[in-house]
Amino acid sequence: EALPIAPARPEWQPGKATLCKKCQAPRPERAHHCVLCGVCVLRMDHHCPWINNCVGFRNYKFFVLLGVYACLASIIAVATSLPELVYCAGALTRLEDGT
């Protein structure tokens, strides 16, 4: 037996903007109101505490790039400090051996 289909709500028609109940501004489809920022964000993903901003349609690419650049910076930091750490570990071993 087929599941009953509820009728579409009139305010959810394609291409029709609705009013946000919190800020009373026109809210396009797939926009959500962020209580931390106090604005409606189109295709909101989440509110990021690291950048103190909402991640959505307009800045998602930049947020992903921030993560990529942070990973690259971490890899470079480990790669540049690894030889010094190996040298220090070898020096400690030589001191313990007494040579």
N, C-alpha and C. Protein backbone atom coordinates (compact mmCIF):
# COMPACT_ATOMS: atom_id res chain seq x y z
N GLU A 1 0.85 -1.18 0.00
CA GLU A 1 0.00 0.00 0.00
C GLU A 1 0.89 1.24 0.00
N ALA A 2 0.52 2.22 -0.77
CA ALA A 2 1.30 3.45 -0.90
C ALA A 2 1.15 4.32 0.34
N LEU A 3 2.21 5.02 0.65
CA LEU A 3 2.18 5.96 1.76
C LEU A 3 1.38 7.19 1.38
N PRO A 4 0.62 7.75 2.31
CA PRO A 4 -0.12 8.97 1.98
C PRO A 4 0.85 10.15 1.82
N ILE A 5 0.57 10.98 0.86
CA ILE A 5 1.42 12.15 0.59
C ILE A 5 0.72 13.39 1.13
N ALA A 6 1.42 14.10 1.99
CA ALA A 6 0.86 15.31 2.56
C ALA A 6 0.86 16.42 1.52
N PRO A 7 -0.15 17.26 1.52
CA PRO A 7 -0.14 18.38 0.56
C PRO A 7 0.99 19.36 0.87
N ALA A 8 1.54 19.95 -0.18
CA ALA A 8 2.64 20.90 -0.01
C ALA A 8 2.14 22.15 0.70
N ARG A 9 2.99 22.68 1.56
CA ARG A 9 2.63 23.92 2.23
C ARG A 9 2.71 25.06 1.23
N PRO A 10 1.77 25.96 1.24
CA PRO A 10 1.76 27.04 0.22
C PRO A 10 2.99 27.93 0.28
N GLU A 11 3.61 28.09 1.45
CA GLU A 11 4.79 28.96 1.54
C GLU A 11 6.05 28.27 1.03
N TRP A 12 5.98 26.98 0.69
CA TRP A 12 7.15 26.25 0.20
C TRP A 12 7.08 26.01 -1.30
N GLN A 13 6.57 26.92 -2.03
CA GLN A 13 6.50 26.77 -3.48
C GLN A 13 7.85 27.10 -4.10
N PRO A 14 8.26 26.36 -5.15
CA PRO A 14 9.56 26.63 -5.79
C PRO A 14 9.67 28.06 -6.30
N GLY A 15 10.79 28.69 -6.01
CA GLY A 15 11.04 30.05 -6.47
C GLY A 15 10.39 31.13 -5.64
N LYS A 16 9.68 30.77 -4.60
CA LYS A 16 8.99 31.76 -3.79
C LYS A 16 9.77 32.00 -2.49
N ALA A 17 10.06 33.24 -2.21
CA ALA A 17 10.75 33.59 -0.97
C ALA A 17 9.71 33.72 0.14
N THR A 18 10.11 33.32 1.33
CA THR A 18 9.24 33.46 2.49
C THR A 18 9.87 34.47 3.44
N LEU A 19 9.13 34.83 4.46
CA LEU A 19 9.67 35.74 5.47
C LEU A 19 10.24 34.91 6.62
N CYS A 20 11.41 35.31 7.06
CA CYS A 20 12.03 34.65 8.21
C CYS A 20 11.25 35.05 9.46
N LYS A 21 10.95 34.07 10.29
CA LYS A 21 10.17 34.34 11.49
C LYS A 21 10.97 35.05 12.56
N LYS A 22 12.31 34.99 12.47
CA LYS A 22 13.14 35.61 13.50
C LYS A 22 13.59 37.02 13.15
N CYS A 23 13.99 37.24 11.87
CA CYS A 23 14.48 38.58 11.50
C CYS A 23 13.52 39.32 10.58
N GLN A 24 12.43 38.70 10.19
CA GLN A 24 11.39 39.30 9.35
C GLN A 24 11.92 39.78 7.99
N ALA A 25 13.02 39.22 7.53
CA ALA A 25 13.58 39.56 6.22
C ALA A 25 13.13 38.51 5.21
N PRO A 26 13.09 38.87 3.92
CA PRO A 26 12.77 37.85 2.91
C PRO A 26 13.81 36.74 2.93
N ARG A 27 13.34 35.51 2.98
CA ARG A 27 14.23 34.35 3.09
C ARG A 27 14.03 33.47 1.86
N PRO A 28 15.08 33.35 1.02
CA PRO A 28 14.94 32.49 -0.16
C PRO A 28 14.90 31.01 0.23
N GLU A 29 14.63 30.18 -0.76
CA GLU A 29 14.62 28.74 -0.52
C GLU A 29 15.99 28.28 -0.02
N ARG A 30 16.01 27.27 0.83
CA ARG A 30 17.22 26.64 1.36
C ARG A 30 18.08 27.61 2.17
N ALA A 31 17.48 28.63 2.74
CA ALA A 31 18.19 29.54 3.63
C ALA A 31 17.76 29.24 5.06
N HIS A 32 18.68 29.40 5.98
CA HIS A 32 18.39 29.16 7.39
C HIS A 32 18.87 30.35 8.20
N HIS A 33 18.18 30.62 9.29
CA HIS A 33 18.54 31.73 10.17
C HIS A 33 19.55 31.23 11.20
N CYS A 34 20.66 31.93 11.31
CA CYS A 34 21.68 31.60 12.32
C CYS A 34 21.42 32.45 13.55
N VAL A 35 21.25 31.80 14.67
CA VAL A 35 20.98 32.55 15.89
C VAL A 35 22.23 33.24 16.41
N LEU A 36 23.42 32.74 16.05
CA LEU A 36 24.66 33.37 16.51
C LEU A 36 24.99 34.61 15.70
N CYS A 37 24.78 34.56 14.38
CA CYS A 37 25.06 35.71 13.52
C CYS A 37 23.88 36.67 13.44
N GLY A 38 22.68 36.14 13.59
CA GLY A 38 21.48 36.96 13.52
C GLY A 38 21.04 37.27 12.10
N VAL A 39 21.47 36.47 11.13
CA VAL A 39 21.09 36.69 9.73
C VAL A 39 20.68 35.36 9.10
N CYS A 40 19.99 35.45 7.97
CA CYS A 40 19.65 34.27 7.20
C CYS A 40 20.78 33.99 6.21
N VAL A 41 21.22 32.74 6.14
CA VAL A 41 22.35 32.34 5.31
C VAL A 41 21.86 31.34 4.28
N LEU A 42 22.14 31.63 3.01
CA LEU A 42 21.73 30.76 1.92
C LEU A 42 22.54 29.47 1.95
N ARG A 43 21.86 28.33 1.89
CA ARG A 43 22.47 27.00 1.93
C ARG A 43 23.46 26.87 3.10
N MET A 44 23.00 27.26 4.26
CA MET A 44 23.86 27.25 5.46
C MET A 44 24.32 25.83 5.78
N ASP A 45 25.63 25.68 5.99
CA ASP A 45 26.21 24.40 6.37
C ASP A 45 26.33 24.34 7.90
N HIS A 46 27.03 25.31 8.49
CA HIS A 46 27.17 25.37 9.93
C HIS A 46 27.77 26.72 10.32
N HIS A 47 27.71 27.02 11.61
CA HIS A 47 28.38 28.21 12.13
C HIS A 47 29.73 27.76 12.67
N CYS A 48 30.80 28.30 12.12
CA CYS A 48 32.15 27.87 12.48
C CYS A 48 32.73 28.80 13.54
N PRO A 49 33.10 28.27 14.71
CA PRO A 49 33.70 29.13 15.73
C PRO A 49 35.11 29.57 15.39
N TRP A 50 35.80 28.84 14.49
CA TRP A 50 37.18 29.19 14.14
C TRP A 50 37.24 30.46 13.31
N ILE A 51 36.27 30.66 12.43
CA ILE A 51 36.24 31.87 11.62
C ILE A 51 35.18 32.85 12.11
N ASN A 52 34.44 32.46 13.16
CA ASN A 52 33.39 33.27 13.75
C ASN A 52 32.41 33.77 12.69
N ASN A 53 31.96 32.83 11.86
CA ASN A 53 31.05 33.17 10.78
C ASN A 53 30.30 31.91 10.36
N CYS A 54 29.21 32.11 9.65
CA CYS A 54 28.47 30.99 9.10
C CYS A 54 29.11 30.55 7.80
N VAL A 55 29.11 29.25 7.57
CA VAL A 55 29.60 28.69 6.31
C VAL A 55 28.36 28.35 5.48
N GLY A 56 28.31 28.95 4.30
CA GLY A 56 27.17 28.73 3.43
C GLY A 56 27.56 28.83 1.97
N PHE A 57 26.60 29.17 1.14
CA PHE A 57 26.79 29.19 -0.31
C PHE A 57 27.90 30.14 -0.74
N ARG A 58 27.97 31.30 -0.14
CA ARG A 58 28.91 32.33 -0.61
C ARG A 58 30.34 32.13 -0.14
N ASN A 59 30.57 31.37 0.93
CA ASN A 59 31.94 31.23 1.42
C ASN A 59 32.36 29.78 1.66
N TYR A 60 31.62 28.82 1.12
CA TYR A 60 31.96 27.42 1.34
C TYR A 60 33.31 27.07 0.70
N LYS A 61 33.56 27.59 -0.50
CA LYS A 61 34.83 27.32 -1.19
C LYS A 61 36.00 27.83 -0.36
N PHE A 62 35.88 29.01 0.20
CA PHE A 62 36.96 29.59 1.00
C PHE A 62 37.16 28.81 2.30
N PHE A 63 36.08 28.27 2.87
CA PHE A 63 36.20 27.46 4.08
C PHE A 63 36.95 26.16 3.79
N VAL A 64 36.65 25.53 2.66
CA VAL A 64 37.36 24.31 2.28
C VAL A 64 38.83 24.62 2.02
N LEU A 65 39.11 25.73 1.34
CA LEU A 65 40.49 26.13 1.09
C LEU A 65 41.24 26.40 2.39
N LEU A 66 40.56 26.97 3.37
CA LEU A 66 41.18 27.18 4.68
C LEU A 66 41.62 25.85 5.28
N GLY A 67 40.78 24.84 5.19
CA GLY A 67 41.15 23.52 5.69
C GLY A 67 42.31 22.90 4.93
N VAL A 68 42.30 23.06 3.60
CA VAL A 68 43.39 22.52 2.78
C VAL A 68 44.70 23.22 3.12
N TYR A 69 44.68 24.53 3.21
CA TYR A 69 45.91 25.28 3.52
C TYR A 69 46.40 24.98 4.93
N ALA A 70 45.50 24.76 5.87
CA ALA A 70 45.92 24.40 7.23
C ALA A 70 46.59 23.03 7.24
N CYS A 71 46.06 22.10 6.46
CA CYS A 71 46.71 20.77 6.37
C CYS A 71 48.08 20.88 5.72
N LEU A 72 48.18 21.66 4.64
CA LEU A 72 49.47 21.84 3.98
C LEU A 72 50.48 22.50 4.91
N ALA A 73 50.05 23.50 5.67
CA ALA A 73 50.96 24.16 6.61
C ALA A 73 51.42 23.19 7.69
N SER A 74 50.53 22.32 8.14
CA SER A 74 50.92 21.32 9.14
C SER A 74 51.93 20.33 8.58
N ILE A 75 51.73 19.90 7.35
CA ILE A 75 52.67 18.97 6.72
C ILE A 75 54.04 19.62 6.55
N ILE A 76 54.06 20.88 6.13
CA ILE A 76 55.33 21.60 5.96
C ILE A 76 56.03 21.78 7.30
N ALA A 77 55.27 22.09 8.35
CA ALA A 77 55.86 22.27 9.68
C ALA A 77 56.48 20.97 10.18
N VAL A 78 55.80 19.86 9.98
CA VAL A 78 56.36 18.57 10.41
C VAL A 78 57.57 18.21 9.57
N ALA A 79 57.50 18.43 8.26
CA ALA A 79 58.62 18.08 7.38
C ALA A 79 59.86 18.90 7.67
N THR A 80 59.70 20.17 8.03
CA THR A 80 60.87 21.00 8.31
C THR A 80 61.43 20.76 9.71
N SER A 81 60.61 20.34 10.64
CA SER A 81 61.12 20.11 11.99
C SER A 81 61.57 18.67 12.22
N LEU A 82 61.20 17.75 11.35
CA LEU A 82 61.56 16.35 11.54
C LEU A 82 63.07 16.10 11.55
N PRO A 83 63.85 16.68 10.64
CA PRO A 83 65.31 16.44 10.72
C PRO A 83 65.92 16.90 12.05
N GLU A 84 65.47 18.02 12.56
CA GLU A 84 65.99 18.51 13.84
C GLU A 84 65.59 17.58 14.99
N LEU A 85 64.37 17.07 14.95
CA LEU A 85 63.93 16.13 15.98
C LEU A 85 64.73 14.84 15.93
N VAL A 86 65.02 14.36 14.73
CA VAL A 86 65.83 13.15 14.58
C VAL A 86 67.24 13.40 15.10
N TYR A 87 67.80 14.57 14.79
CA TYR A 87 69.14 14.92 15.27
C TYR A 87 69.17 14.99 16.79
N CYS A 88 68.16 15.62 17.39
CA CYS A 88 68.11 15.72 18.86
C CYS A 88 67.96 14.35 19.50
N ALA A 89 67.14 13.48 18.91
CA ALA A 89 66.98 12.13 19.45
C ALA A 89 68.29 11.37 19.37
N GLY A 90 69.04 11.54 18.28
CA GLY A 90 70.34 10.89 18.15
C GLY A 90 71.34 11.44 19.15
N ALA A 91 71.31 12.74 19.39
CA ALA A 91 72.21 13.35 20.36
C ALA A 91 71.91 12.85 21.77
N LEU A 92 70.65 12.70 22.11
CA LEU A 92 70.29 12.17 23.43
C LEU A 92 70.76 10.73 23.58
N THR A 93 70.64 9.96 22.53
CA THR A 93 71.10 8.57 22.58
C THR A 93 72.61 8.51 22.77
N ARG A 94 73.35 9.40 22.08
CA ARG A 94 74.81 9.43 22.23
C ARG A 94 75.21 9.87 23.63
N LEU A 95 74.46 10.80 24.22
CA LEU A 95 74.77 11.23 25.59
C LEU A 95 74.54 10.11 26.60
N GLU A 96 73.46 9.35 26.39
CA GLU A 96 73.17 8.24 27.30
C GLU A 96 74.22 7.14 27.18
N ASP A 97 74.75 6.92 25.97
CA ASP A 97 75.78 5.90 25.76
C ASP A 97 77.14 6.36 26.25
N GLY A 98 77.32 7.66 26.39
CA GLY A 98 78.59 8.20 26.86
C GLY A 98 79.61 8.39 25.76
N THR A 99 79.18 8.44 24.53
CA THR A 99 80.13 8.65 23.43
C THR A 99 80.08 10.06 22.92
